[in-house]
Amino acid sequence: MEIDAEFRRQIAVSLAAAAVFIVGLVAIGVTFGGSAVLPETGAIALVALLTGFVLLMAGVGTFLMRANDGS
C-alpha cells in the first residue's frame, strides 16, 4: 500500500490533534493530581478538555474534507 501526500497529511494532522489531547491530559494530571481523588476543578478541566478535543477533531475532519475537495 502506497501512502500518498494527502494520506500523509491526514495522518500528521490527526496525530497532532491527538498529541494536543495527550499533552492536555498530562497537564491536568500534573496540575490537579496531588491526591488520590481528582478535585472538582480538575474534573471540570477534564470535561472541558474532552469537549475541546471533540470539537477539535470535528474541525480537523472538516478541514481535511475541504482540503481534499480542492485537490
Protein backbone atom coordinates (compact mmCIF):
# COMPACT_ATOMS: atom_id res chain seq x y z
CA MET A 1 0.00 0.00 0.00
CA GLU A 2 1.49 3.26 -1.09
CA ILE A 3 0.94 6.31 1.10
CA ASP A 4 0.40 9.43 -0.97
CA ALA A 5 0.89 13.01 0.18
CA GLU A 6 -2.80 13.56 1.01
CA PHE A 7 -2.92 10.49 3.26
CA ARG A 8 0.33 11.54 4.99
CA ARG A 9 -1.18 14.97 5.67
CA GLN A 10 -4.30 13.35 7.16
CA ILE A 11 -2.15 11.16 9.40
CA ALA A 12 0.03 14.08 10.53
CA VAL A 13 -2.90 16.36 11.33
CA SER A 14 -4.74 13.61 13.22
CA LEU A 15 -1.64 12.68 15.21
CA ALA A 16 -1.02 16.33 16.08
CA ALA A 17 -4.59 16.69 17.36
CA ALA A 18 -4.22 13.52 19.44
CA ALA A 19 -0.89 14.78 20.80
CA VAL A 20 -2.59 18.02 21.91
CA PHE A 21 -5.13 15.91 23.80
CA ILE A 22 -2.44 13.82 25.50
CA VAL A 23 -0.49 16.93 26.49
CA GLY A 24 -3.70 18.33 27.96
CA LEU A 25 -4.26 15.15 29.97
CA VAL A 26 -0.73 15.30 31.33
CA ALA A 27 -1.12 18.99 32.18
CA ILE A 28 -4.34 18.29 34.11
CA GLY A 29 -2.69 15.38 35.88
CA VAL A 30 0.30 17.47 36.91
CA THR A 31 -1.81 20.43 37.97
CA PHE A 32 -4.56 18.61 39.88
CA GLY A 33 -3.05 15.17 40.57
CA GLY A 34 -1.65 15.73 44.06
CA SER A 35 -4.08 13.38 45.79
CA ALA A 36 -5.86 10.10 45.18
CA VAL A 37 -9.07 11.88 44.16
CA LEU A 38 -9.41 14.41 41.35
CA PRO A 39 -10.76 17.68 42.81
CA GLU A 40 -13.84 19.38 41.39
CA THR A 41 -11.83 21.94 39.45
CA GLY A 42 -9.75 19.16 37.93
CA ALA A 43 -12.89 17.31 36.89
CA ILE A 44 -14.25 20.43 35.22
CA ALA A 45 -10.93 20.90 33.44
CA LEU A 46 -11.08 17.28 32.25
CA VAL A 47 -14.62 17.70 30.90
CA ALA A 48 -13.54 20.92 29.17
CA LEU A 49 -10.56 19.11 27.64
CA LEU A 50 -12.77 16.29 26.35
CA THR A 51 -15.25 18.77 24.90
CA GLY A 52 -12.43 20.72 23.28
CA PHE A 53 -10.98 17.52 21.82
CA VAL A 54 -14.31 16.53 20.26
CA LEU A 55 -14.68 19.99 18.74
CA LEU A 56 -11.04 19.95 17.58
CA MET A 57 -11.50 16.60 15.83
CA ALA A 58 -14.69 17.84 14.18
CA GLY A 59 -12.76 20.86 12.93
CA VAL A 60 -9.89 18.70 11.73
CA GLY A 61 -12.31 16.44 9.86
CA THR A 62 -13.96 19.43 8.22
CA PHE A 63 -10.58 20.89 7.29
CA LEU A 64 -9.39 17.63 5.76
CA MET A 65 -12.63 17.15 3.79
CA ARG A 66 -12.43 20.68 2.37
CA ALA A 67 -8.72 20.33 1.60
CA ASN A 68 -9.47 17.08 -0.22
CA ASP A 69 -12.27 18.69 -2.27
CA GLY A 70 -9.94 21.40 -3.53
CA SER A 71 -7.47 18.88 -4.96
